[in-house]
Structure formats: C-alpha cells, structure tokens
Amino acid sequence: MSILHIMTKARSSIWFHLFDVVLNIVIIVGIVVAIRTFLISPFQVEGNSMLETLEHQEYIIINKLGYFIGKPDRGDIVIFRPPNEPKKHYVKRIIGLPEDKISIRNGLVYLTPAGTHKEIELDEPYLSDRNAGKTYQHPPTSGNTKEKGFAVPKGSYFLLGDNRQGSLDSRSFTENGGGHSPYVLEKNVKGRVWFIALPITKIHALELPNYGF
C-alpha cells in the first residue's frame, strides 16, 4: 500500500468523523428545539403577580403539549402573550373560559359558566389572606368594589394573577390603541405551568383547583 493511498484514506476517515460529529450535533439541537417548541420548556418568573403560588425568579417548567391536544381549563396557570405587550410572556391563572360571564364586585369574583344562567361566587382557595376578598377594579390597589362585568368571547380567556392587589391582568390589559382589551386569544396561550423546578426546596407539581362545579 502506497503512502499516498494511506494519506488519502486517513483524510477520508477524518472527514467522515467530522461529518458524524456535525450530524449528531444537528440531531441533538433538533431534538432540543422540538422538545422546547412542542413539549416542555423552562421559564423564569418575573415579578410578584402570582404570589403566593409563584415567586419572583423561581424556575418553572411549562407543558406545551397539553394545549396541542386539548384546551386550557379554568384554574390553569399559564404562560401567554398579553394583548398590550405581544412580544412578552406573562404568567397568570385562567378564570374565565370562552363564553363565560365574569363579574367583579365587592372584592370578589362571580362567574356564570358558559351555557348556564346561574351566577356563583368563585371559591379561590389559592389566594392568600392578603388577597382573598380583595379583587378590585383596575388599578389593583384601588379598593374599588363597584361591579365590573366581562363577557368572554369565543376563542378567548379571562386571566387574573393570584396577587390580586399587585397584578396587571385582564382587569387592565389594553390594545395598541389604548382601549381596554381584557381577553387573551387561545392562540396566545403558550402552555400550562407544570411544576416548580427551582429552588430545589420548592420543587412540586401544580394541581388544578377544584371549584366545586
């Protein structure tokens, strides 16, 4: 075997090895992108709008697959794009489903579920003592207990933060023109908060509340 043949074979082996490495990197990156796009994704909480359920700078894992095969549900804590800041992600809790009627009065949330005519006071055990019974009109610390009604359109949702006195949510969302735009389109709901990942001392899954109806 000639030296030239040996050198040619060695170069071929090196190129094959480099191709194999690059191919594996591409496959791994593709898998990671697919997982983050369609299955799960990490997210860091910013701000205190979801106290006491979620805290500032906690890391959470988002389940995206659930909304590819199903619909958001009442009580889900979700990541979404708000109408007033479409390039940002917010985290809030779904209170009103499509065609629900929501009424906020006397610091409480009342709900008439879609297809019914009976209004019920929404039991919200996840609210802290500081926020229970203190869901006010915008601004959230206004103390305004007068009635404010919302009729959720088809394909949209009404969302509130658990820190009712410190949350910018459906009570305050606006559109680009400045008008009140309280509802979030289903296409802008990106995933459900599955569990808290960090800090380690607070790792746990988030359960859907039982509203009793």
Protein backbone atom coordinates (compact mmCIF):
# COMPACT_ATOMS: atom_id res chain seq x y z
CA MET A 1 0.00 0.00 0.00
CA SER A 2 1.44 3.37 -1.04
CA ILE A 3 1.96 6.30 1.30
CA LEU A 4 -0.38 8.38 -0.90
CA HIS A 5 -3.14 5.82 -0.53
CA ILE A 6 -2.67 5.75 3.25
CA MET A 7 -2.83 9.55 3.46
CA THR A 8 -5.95 9.68 1.30
CA LYS A 9 -7.65 7.09 3.45
CA ALA A 10 -6.70 8.99 6.62
CA ARG A 11 -8.13 12.23 5.24
CA SER A 12 -11.34 10.42 4.29
CA SER A 13 -11.58 9.00 7.79
CA ILE A 14 -11.15 12.46 9.34
CA TRP A 15 -13.84 13.98 7.12
CA PHE A 16 -16.18 11.10 7.90
CA HIS A 17 -15.56 11.61 11.63
CA LEU A 18 -16.22 15.37 11.35
CA PHE A 19 -19.40 14.71 9.36
CA ASP A 20 -20.56 12.24 12.01
CA VAL A 21 -19.92 14.78 14.81
CA VAL A 22 -21.76 17.56 12.97
CA LEU A 23 -24.68 15.26 12.16
CA ASN A 24 -25.02 14.26 15.79
CA ILE A 25 -24.93 17.91 16.89
CA VAL A 26 -27.63 18.79 14.36
CA ILE A 27 -29.81 15.89 15.54
CA ILE A 28 -29.38 16.83 19.22
CA VAL A 29 -30.15 20.50 18.54
CA GLY A 30 -33.19 19.48 16.51
CA ILE A 31 -34.47 17.28 19.32
CA VAL A 32 -33.96 20.06 21.88
CA VAL A 33 -35.76 22.60 19.67
CA ALA A 34 -38.64 20.19 19.07
CA ILE A 35 -38.98 19.49 22.80
CA ARG A 36 -38.94 23.21 23.68
CA THR A 37 -41.39 24.03 20.89
CA PHE A 38 -43.94 21.25 21.25
CA LEU A 39 -43.46 19.51 24.61
CA ILE A 40 -41.93 21.33 27.57
CA SER A 41 -39.91 24.47 28.17
CA PRO A 42 -38.27 26.20 31.16
CA PHE A 43 -39.36 29.67 32.21
CA GLN A 44 -38.29 32.09 34.94
CA VAL A 45 -40.95 34.00 36.85
CA GLU A 46 -40.50 37.76 36.84
CA GLY A 47 -42.34 39.85 39.40
CA ASN A 48 -44.77 39.10 42.22
CA SER A 49 -48.12 38.99 40.39
CA MET A 50 -48.65 35.30 41.24
CA LEU A 51 -47.82 35.35 44.96
CA GLU A 52 -48.20 33.16 46.98
CA THR A 53 -48.39 30.45 44.28
CA LEU A 54 -45.30 31.52 42.34
CA GLU A 55 -42.49 33.78 43.49
CA HIS A 56 -40.11 36.13 41.71
CA GLN A 57 -37.16 34.37 39.98
CA GLU A 58 -38.49 30.85 40.53
CA TYR A 59 -37.88 28.50 37.61
CA ILE A 60 -40.93 26.68 36.31
CA ILE A 61 -41.49 24.02 33.64
CA ILE A 62 -44.14 24.68 31.01
CA ASN A 63 -46.20 21.87 29.48
CA LYS A 64 -46.91 22.86 25.86
CA LEU A 65 -48.11 19.50 24.58
CA GLY A 66 -51.32 19.65 26.59
CA TYR A 67 -52.64 22.56 24.56
CA PHE A 68 -51.77 20.92 21.26
CA ILE A 69 -54.06 18.02 22.10
CA GLY A 70 -56.52 19.75 24.46
CA LYS A 71 -57.86 23.10 25.63
CA PRO A 72 -56.88 25.40 28.52
CA ASP A 73 -59.01 24.84 31.60
CA ARG A 74 -60.28 27.08 34.35
CA GLY A 75 -57.71 27.33 37.13
CA ASP A 76 -54.73 26.56 34.86
CA ILE A 77 -51.70 28.74 35.49
CA VAL A 78 -50.46 29.58 32.02
CA ILE A 79 -47.76 31.36 30.05
CA PHE A 80 -49.26 33.67 27.42
CA ARG A 81 -48.74 36.79 25.34
CA PRO A 82 -50.91 39.67 26.60
CA PRO A 83 -52.73 41.97 24.14
CA ASN A 84 -50.88 45.06 25.37
CA GLU A 85 -47.36 43.57 25.09
CA PRO A 86 -47.49 40.88 22.37
CA LYS A 87 -43.71 40.32 22.41
CA LYS A 88 -43.60 39.48 26.12
CA HIS A 89 -44.73 36.46 28.13
CA TYR A 90 -46.89 36.78 31.25
CA VAL A 91 -47.88 34.15 33.78
CA LYS A 92 -51.41 34.27 35.25
CA ARG A 93 -54.33 32.00 36.13
CA ILE A 94 -57.27 31.30 33.79
CA ILE A 95 -60.52 32.39 35.44
CA GLY A 96 -62.92 32.76 32.53
CA LEU A 97 -63.38 30.31 29.66
CA PRO A 98 -64.90 31.14 26.26
CA GLU A 99 -68.50 32.46 26.60
CA ASP A 100 -68.30 32.67 30.41
CA LYS A 101 -69.57 35.81 32.10
CA ILE A 102 -67.41 37.29 34.85
CA SER A 103 -68.46 39.86 37.41
CA ILE A 104 -66.09 41.55 39.85
CA ARG A 105 -67.81 43.26 42.78
CA ASN A 106 -67.31 43.74 46.49
CA GLY A 107 -63.78 42.40 46.09
CA LEU A 108 -64.99 39.00 44.89
CA VAL A 109 -65.20 37.19 41.56
CA TYR A 110 -68.56 35.88 40.37
CA LEU A 111 -68.94 33.51 37.46
CA THR A 112 -71.75 32.46 35.14
CA PRO A 113 -70.33 29.47 33.25
CA ALA A 114 -70.96 29.25 29.51
CA GLY A 115 -74.36 27.73 28.70
CA THR A 116 -75.82 28.42 32.15
CA HIS A 117 -77.76 31.26 33.77
CA LYS A 118 -76.72 30.73 37.38
CA GLU A 119 -74.14 33.07 38.82
CA ILE A 120 -71.86 31.63 41.51
CA GLU A 121 -69.23 33.14 43.74
CA LEU A 122 -65.90 31.67 42.72
CA ASP A 123 -64.17 29.88 45.60
CA GLU A 124 -60.45 30.64 45.28
CA PRO A 125 -58.51 28.77 47.98
CA TYR A 126 -55.16 29.63 46.35
CA LEU A 127 -55.49 33.31 47.32
CA SER A 128 -53.51 34.45 50.35
CA ASP A 129 -55.17 36.18 53.30
CA ARG A 130 -53.87 39.47 51.93
CA ASN A 131 -55.68 38.95 48.61
CA ALA A 132 -58.79 36.93 49.48
CA GLY A 133 -61.85 39.12 49.02
CA LYS A 134 -59.77 41.95 47.56
CA THR A 135 -60.15 41.59 43.81
CA TYR A 136 -60.64 45.24 42.90
CA GLN A 137 -61.10 47.04 39.63
CA HIS A 138 -58.00 48.47 37.96
CA PRO A 139 -55.72 49.73 39.39
CA PRO A 140 -55.45 46.61 41.56
CA THR A 141 -54.98 48.54 44.83
CA SER A 142 -57.86 50.94 44.12
CA GLY A 143 -60.23 49.43 46.67
CA ASN A 144 -62.98 49.95 44.08
CA THR A 145 -65.67 47.37 44.88
CA LYS A 146 -68.26 48.57 42.33
CA GLU A 147 -69.42 45.95 39.86
CA LYS A 148 -67.49 45.39 36.64
CA GLY A 149 -68.71 42.80 34.17
CA PHE A 150 -66.91 40.85 31.44
CA ALA A 151 -68.34 38.60 28.71
CA VAL A 152 -65.57 36.32 27.43
CA PRO A 153 -65.71 35.94 23.61
CA LYS A 154 -65.36 32.63 21.81
CA GLY A 155 -61.75 31.56 21.45
CA SER A 156 -60.58 33.80 24.31
CA TYR A 157 -59.83 33.65 28.03
CA PHE A 158 -60.01 35.93 31.07
CA LEU A 159 -56.95 35.78 33.35
CA LEU A 160 -56.07 37.09 36.80
CA GLY A 161 -52.92 36.98 38.91
CA ASP A 162 -53.13 35.36 42.35
CA ASN A 163 -51.66 38.53 43.87
CA ARG A 164 -54.87 40.44 43.18
CA GLN A 165 -53.52 43.69 44.65
CA GLY A 166 -50.28 43.52 42.66
CA SER A 167 -51.14 42.09 39.25
CA LEU A 168 -51.59 43.59 35.79
CA ASP A 169 -54.06 41.20 34.19
CA SER A 170 -57.41 41.10 32.36
CA ARG A 171 -58.61 43.95 34.54
CA SER A 172 -56.02 46.24 32.99
CA PHE A 173 -54.87 44.85 29.62
CA THR A 174 -55.11 47.33 26.75
CA GLU A 175 -54.74 47.15 22.99
CA ASN A 176 -52.27 49.18 20.95
CA GLY A 177 -54.80 52.00 20.57
CA GLY A 178 -55.12 52.28 24.32
CA GLY A 179 -58.62 50.83 24.71
CA HIS A 180 -59.38 48.17 27.32
CA SER A 181 -58.71 44.69 25.89
CA PRO A 182 -59.25 42.21 28.74
CA TYR A 183 -59.29 38.93 26.81
CA VAL A 184 -56.44 36.69 25.67
CA LEU A 185 -56.81 34.76 22.42
CA GLU A 186 -56.36 30.99 22.64
CA LYS A 187 -53.50 31.12 20.12
CA ASN A 188 -51.60 33.37 22.54
CA VAL A 189 -51.81 30.88 25.41
CA LYS A 190 -48.49 29.06 25.06
CA GLY A 191 -48.54 26.43 27.79
CA ARG A 192 -49.57 25.39 31.29
CA VAL A 193 -47.23 25.70 34.25
CA TRP A 194 -46.47 22.07 35.11
CA PHE A 195 -44.23 22.33 38.15
CA ILE A 196 -41.75 24.50 40.01
CA ALA A 197 -38.20 23.34 39.21
CA LEU A 198 -36.06 25.73 41.26
CA PRO A 199 -35.22 26.41 44.01
CA ILE A 200 -34.86 22.76 44.93
CA THR A 201 -36.59 23.27 48.28
CA LYS A 202 -39.79 24.27 46.46
CA ILE A 203 -39.95 21.59 43.76
CA HIS A 204 -43.55 20.42 43.36
CA ALA A 205 -46.23 19.98 40.71
CA LEU A 206 -49.07 22.49 40.48
CA GLU A 207 -52.52 20.96 40.78
CA LEU A 208 -55.71 22.20 39.15
CA PRO A 209 -58.01 23.73 41.79
CA ASN A 210 -61.41 22.18 42.45
CA TYR A 211 -64.02 24.88 42.06
CA GLY A 212 -66.84 22.55 43.08
CA PHE A 213 -68.95 22.76 39.91
